[in-house]
Amino acid sequence: VIFTSNLNAPAICSGTTFSYTPTSSTAGTRFQWTRTVVAGISNPSAIGTNNPNERLINITTAPIEVTYVYSLVTNSECNETQIVKVIVNPIPSLTSLNNVPAICSGEVFSYFPTADITGTVFNWSRVVQASISNTAATGTSNPLERLVNTSNNLVVVEYNYTLTVNGCSSTQ
């Protein structure tokens, strides 16, 4: 029995379903798999056949390797065991305050985003806001925007940050 599918599956993001289709050069091969509990992955141990189709949850701030042990069985009861590994990358989260102190009209809004995972890239966007003279804008890291309130009322301006690291993103 020869396992012909790639033993190193592409990395996935936490909360994504791990989908893996095992293949063999021997017709009629049956595929059974097991996965033990993995520290940092919230899923309990599991067993199954063919494609795991498991939604794996990484509860840490570091990539975690998950190992599946496949048993290949043919009609002649010949067995082979293969190891398939997948990296489950964490989803970044803001660690800086989401609510910042108010500023006065005409002052520069400055916000230094921080995240729980080193190497996170920060992209922000802001839509047109009623009573704020600024046009919509996008950028990276700190906006450093001079916001002008054209009304006599308090106006809340919302910035949407997309955090990305290891190909995994979240928006806050």
Foldseek 3Di string as FASTA:
>chain_A
DAWDDDQEDEAEEQQAFQWDATDGPDPAKWKKKWWDDFPQWPDHTDIDTGIPRHRIHGNAQAKGKTKIWIWIQHPVRDIDIGIHIYIYHYEKDWPDDQDDDDDDQQAWQWDATDIPHPPKWKKKWWDDFPQWPDHTDIDTGIPRHRIHGNDPDDGDTDMWIWIDDPRHIDID
